[in-house]
């Protein structure tokens, strides 16, 4: 279990991080952003598909006589090389992305606990200090509204995973992208699990208060929510 997070980022550090991201974008000028509809229409490659693609390329390069003039083997090789390079980049960026997402999740927990404790202090003090009545009432209304907000949307990088605690029993697990995910009971990968296809949902069984979610797609991010039915 993590310990309490207590840290800050200076203005100079934030500017430096932004500059480094901009430097990467200046190198990766060919990156694109697909719409959800476009993602659904595209063919996807899993681990076995990658092997198939490699073997086809090797076969074509070894037998050039079967390749018609309008089939560009050079472009095929170029695309595969770029795919390998981007997967390598994703591999060493993945711990950074996962660390940021997990830290935000932990900070959200800390902030909500601090907020609720602070609200209770103000509410208790308002019993003997009428000047706090308006503030306590306003905070009470905001607290009710906060409980009705949309559930958090989680995003996993391809082949990424995340562990979620405090799941309310019998909630609905809903995927919002085309990636298939595996949902394991507990904080490790193994044992009881449910497979959830892209853009579909299941009801989490009773007792699954901690779940570990794994993106089974090697190319497509998994986006999901845990919500009331």
Protein backbone atom coordinates (compact mmCIF):
# COMPACT_ATOMS: atom_id res chain seq x y z
CA UNK A 1 0.00 0.00 0.00
CA UNK A 2 1.33 3.42 -0.87
CA UNK A 3 2.15 6.00 1.80
CA UNK A 4 0.67 9.47 1.86
CA UNK A 5 1.73 11.53 -1.16
CA UNK A 6 3.25 14.89 -0.26
CA UNK A 7 5.08 16.60 -3.09
CA UNK A 8 4.95 19.63 -5.37
CA UNK A 9 6.00 20.69 -8.86
CA UNK A 10 7.63 24.07 -9.29
CA UNK A 11 6.74 26.38 -12.17
CA UNK A 12 10.17 25.71 -13.66
CA UNK A 13 9.69 21.93 -13.45
CA UNK A 14 6.27 22.12 -15.11
CA UNK A 15 7.66 24.29 -17.88
CA UNK A 16 10.54 21.85 -18.35
CA UNK A 17 8.15 18.90 -18.61
CA UNK A 18 6.02 20.73 -21.17
CA UNK A 19 9.11 21.58 -23.18
CA UNK A 20 10.21 17.94 -23.20
CA UNK A 21 6.78 16.80 -24.38
CA UNK A 22 6.89 19.44 -27.13
CA UNK A 23 10.32 18.18 -28.16
CA UNK A 24 8.90 14.67 -28.56
CA UNK A 25 5.99 15.95 -30.62
CA UNK A 26 8.41 17.80 -32.89
CA UNK A 27 10.11 14.46 -33.58
CA UNK A 28 6.89 12.44 -33.90
CA UNK A 29 5.20 14.80 -36.33
CA UNK A 30 3.40 11.92 -38.06
CA UNK A 31 1.30 10.93 -35.03
CA UNK A 32 -2.46 10.92 -35.63
CA UNK A 33 -5.59 10.91 -33.44
CA UNK A 34 -8.38 8.57 -34.54
CA UNK A 35 -12.05 9.04 -33.79
CA UNK A 36 -13.90 6.24 -31.92
CA UNK A 37 -15.65 5.30 -35.18
CA UNK A 38 -12.33 5.07 -37.02
CA UNK A 39 -10.88 2.86 -34.27
CA UNK A 40 -13.75 0.40 -34.62
CA UNK A 41 -13.33 0.10 -38.39
CA UNK A 42 -9.56 -0.56 -38.42
CA UNK A 43 -8.03 -4.03 -38.40
CA UNK A 44 -6.23 -4.81 -35.12
CA UNK A 45 -3.00 -6.77 -34.58
CA UNK A 46 -2.51 -9.03 -31.60
CA UNK A 47 0.73 -10.87 -30.79
CA UNK A 48 -0.08 -13.73 -33.19
CA UNK A 49 -1.04 -11.27 -35.91
CA UNK A 50 2.31 -9.50 -35.59
CA UNK A 51 4.08 -12.80 -36.18
CA UNK A 52 1.87 -13.43 -39.23
CA UNK A 53 2.69 -10.00 -40.67
CA UNK A 54 6.43 -10.56 -40.17
CA UNK A 55 6.38 -13.96 -41.81
CA UNK A 56 4.44 -12.66 -44.82
CA UNK A 57 7.02 -9.91 -45.33
CA UNK A 58 9.88 -12.39 -45.10
CA UNK A 59 8.13 -14.63 -47.60
CA UNK A 60 7.62 -11.80 -50.08
CA UNK A 61 11.22 -10.62 -49.75
CA UNK A 62 12.47 -14.16 -50.31
CA UNK A 63 10.24 -14.63 -53.38
CA UNK A 64 10.16 -11.34 -55.30
CA UNK A 65 8.84 -13.07 -58.42
CA UNK A 66 5.38 -13.40 -56.83
CA UNK A 67 5.15 -9.66 -56.08
CA UNK A 68 3.24 -7.61 -58.70
CA UNK A 69 4.47 -4.09 -59.64
CA UNK A 70 1.65 -2.39 -57.73
CA UNK A 71 2.54 -4.09 -54.42
CA UNK A 72 5.11 -2.02 -52.46
CA UNK A 73 7.25 -4.37 -50.35
CA UNK A 74 9.54 -1.48 -49.41
CA UNK A 75 6.61 0.40 -47.87
CA UNK A 76 5.58 -2.80 -46.07
CA UNK A 77 9.04 -3.05 -44.49
CA UNK A 78 9.00 0.67 -43.66
CA UNK A 79 5.64 0.40 -41.87
CA UNK A 80 6.72 -2.65 -39.88
CA UNK A 81 9.95 -0.95 -38.79
CA UNK A 82 8.01 2.11 -37.63
CA UNK A 83 5.56 -0.12 -35.78
CA UNK A 84 8.44 -1.79 -33.93
CA UNK A 85 10.00 1.57 -33.10
CA UNK A 86 6.74 3.01 -31.74
CA UNK A 87 6.06 -0.12 -29.67
CA UNK A 88 9.53 0.26 -28.15
CA UNK A 89 8.80 3.93 -27.34
CA UNK A 90 5.47 2.94 -25.81
CA UNK A 91 7.26 0.32 -23.74
CA UNK A 92 9.54 2.78 -22.00
CA UNK A 93 6.83 5.43 -21.65
CA UNK A 94 4.26 3.01 -20.19
CA UNK A 95 5.66 3.09 -16.62
CA UNK A 96 5.48 6.90 -16.74
CA UNK A 97 1.84 6.91 -17.89
CA UNK A 98 0.83 4.27 -15.37
CA UNK A 99 2.64 6.12 -12.59
CA UNK A 100 0.85 9.38 -13.39
CA UNK A 101 -2.57 7.67 -13.57
CA UNK A 102 -2.05 5.74 -10.31
CA UNK A 103 -0.76 8.85 -8.53
CA UNK A 104 -3.79 10.87 -9.67
CA UNK A 105 -6.06 8.07 -8.39
CA UNK A 106 -4.28 8.02 -5.02
CA UNK A 107 -4.38 11.83 -4.75
CA UNK A 108 -8.12 11.78 -5.52
CA UNK A 109 -8.60 9.43 -2.60
CA UNK A 110 -6.54 11.64 -0.29
CA UNK A 111 -8.33 14.80 -1.38
CA UNK A 112 -11.79 13.32 -0.94
CA UNK A 113 -10.91 12.08 2.55
CA UNK A 114 -9.51 15.49 3.50
CA UNK A 115 -12.51 17.25 1.98
CA UNK A 116 -15.03 15.08 3.84
CA UNK A 117 -13.16 15.50 7.14
CA UNK A 118 -12.97 19.27 6.63
CA UNK A 119 -16.68 19.44 5.77
CA UNK A 120 -17.54 17.53 8.94
CA UNK A 121 -15.48 20.03 10.99
CA UNK A 122 -17.36 22.97 9.46
CA UNK A 123 -20.73 21.24 9.88
CA UNK A 124 -20.02 20.50 13.54
CA UNK A 125 -18.79 24.05 14.19
CA UNK A 126 -21.94 25.49 12.57
CA UNK A 127 -23.99 24.02 15.42
CA UNK A 128 -22.59 26.67 17.75
CA UNK A 129 -21.57 29.34 15.21
CA UNK A 130 -24.44 30.63 13.08
CA UNK A 131 -21.98 32.50 10.84
CA UNK A 132 -21.02 29.10 9.40
CA UNK A 133 -24.60 28.01 8.63
CA UNK A 134 -24.54 29.25 5.05
CA UNK A 135 -21.15 27.69 4.33
CA UNK A 136 -22.14 24.36 5.88
CA UNK A 137 -25.39 24.28 3.90
CA UNK A 138 -23.63 25.17 0.63
CA UNK A 139 -20.96 22.52 1.18
CA UNK A 140 -23.65 19.98 2.01
CA UNK A 141 -25.39 20.62 -1.32
CA UNK A 142 -22.10 20.39 -3.18
CA UNK A 143 -21.28 17.12 -1.42
CA UNK A 144 -24.60 15.65 -2.57
CA UNK A 145 -23.92 16.75 -6.13
CA UNK A 146 -20.41 15.28 -6.00
CA UNK A 147 -21.94 11.90 -5.20
CA UNK A 148 -24.04 12.12 -8.36
CA UNK A 149 -21.20 12.93 -10.77
CA UNK A 150 -20.28 10.56 -13.57
CA UNK A 151 -17.95 7.74 -12.51
CA UNK A 152 -14.27 7.96 -13.34
CA UNK A 153 -13.28 6.87 -16.82
CA UNK A 154 -10.11 4.77 -16.73
CA UNK A 155 -7.72 4.41 -19.66
CA UNK A 156 -5.17 1.61 -19.99
CA UNK A 157 -2.33 1.58 -22.47
CA UNK A 158 -2.11 -1.53 -24.69
CA UNK A 159 -1.25 -4.54 -22.50
CA UNK A 160 -1.41 -2.27 -19.44
CA UNK A 161 -3.07 -3.10 -16.13
CA UNK A 162 -4.53 -1.36 -13.07
CA UNK A 163 -5.81 -2.50 -9.67
CA UNK A 164 -8.94 -0.82 -8.24
CA UNK A 165 -9.98 -1.09 -4.60
CA UNK A 166 -13.28 -0.35 -2.88
CA UNK A 167 -15.53 -1.63 -5.66
CA UNK A 168 -19.20 -1.64 -4.63
CA UNK A 169 -20.64 -5.18 -5.00
CA UNK A 170 -22.64 -6.02 -8.13
CA UNK A 171 -21.60 -2.89 -10.02
CA UNK A 172 -21.49 -2.93 -13.81
CA UNK A 173 -18.11 -3.04 -15.54
CA UNK A 174 -18.43 -1.31 -18.92
CA UNK A 175 -15.83 -0.98 -21.69
CA UNK A 176 -15.95 2.19 -23.79
CA UNK A 177 -13.45 1.21 -26.50
CA UNK A 178 -12.88 -1.67 -28.88
CA UNK A 179 -10.24 -3.35 -26.71
CA UNK A 180 -11.01 -6.60 -24.88
CA UNK A 181 -10.01 -6.65 -21.20
CA UNK A 182 -9.62 -9.31 -18.52
CA UNK A 183 -10.97 -8.48 -15.07
CA UNK A 184 -9.40 -10.48 -12.22
CA UNK A 185 -10.72 -10.75 -8.68
CA UNK A 186 -8.13 -9.34 -6.27
CA UNK A 187 -4.95 -7.34 -6.67
CA UNK A 188 -3.02 -9.79 -8.84
CA UNK A 189 -3.35 -11.36 -12.27
CA UNK A 190 -4.53 -14.93 -11.81
CA UNK A 191 -7.43 -16.87 -10.37
CA UNK A 192 -11.05 -15.85 -10.94
CA UNK A 193 -11.50 -13.63 -13.96
CA UNK A 194 -14.06 -12.28 -16.40
CA UNK A 195 -13.31 -11.37 -20.02
CA UNK A 196 -15.12 -8.26 -21.27
CA UNK A 197 -15.20 -7.58 -25.00
CA UNK A 198 -14.91 -4.17 -26.56
CA UNK A 199 -17.90 -1.86 -26.12
CA UNK A 200 -19.73 -4.29 -23.83
CA UNK A 201 -20.41 -4.81 -20.14
CA UNK A 202 -20.75 -7.39 -17.34
CA UNK A 203 -22.02 -7.34 -13.77
CA UNK A 204 -19.16 -7.79 -11.31
CA UNK A 205 -19.83 -10.75 -9.01
CA UNK A 206 -20.48 -10.29 -5.31
CA UNK A 207 -17.23 -10.15 -3.34
CA UNK A 208 -15.19 -8.55 -6.10
CA UNK A 209 -14.36 -5.47 -4.03
CA UNK A 210 -10.82 -5.36 -5.45
CA UNK A 211 -10.24 -5.98 -9.14
CA UNK A 212 -7.23 -5.99 -11.45
CA UNK A 213 -7.97 -4.98 -15.04
CA UNK A 214 -5.67 -5.96 -17.92
CA UNK A 215 -5.87 -4.62 -21.47
CA UNK A 216 -5.63 -7.76 -23.65
CA UNK A 217 -5.10 -5.73 -26.82
CA UNK A 218 -1.47 -5.09 -27.82
CA UNK A 219 -2.32 -2.06 -29.95
CA UNK A 220 -5.56 -0.50 -28.70
CA UNK A 221 -5.97 1.36 -25.38
CA UNK A 222 -8.74 0.08 -23.11
CA UNK A 223 -11.23 2.63 -21.77
CA UNK A 224 -13.71 1.55 -19.08
CA UNK A 225 -15.96 2.55 -16.18
CA UNK A 226 -17.35 0.82 -13.10
CA UNK A 227 -20.92 2.12 -12.75
CA UNK A 228 -24.35 1.45 -11.32
CA UNK A 229 -26.62 -0.51 -13.64
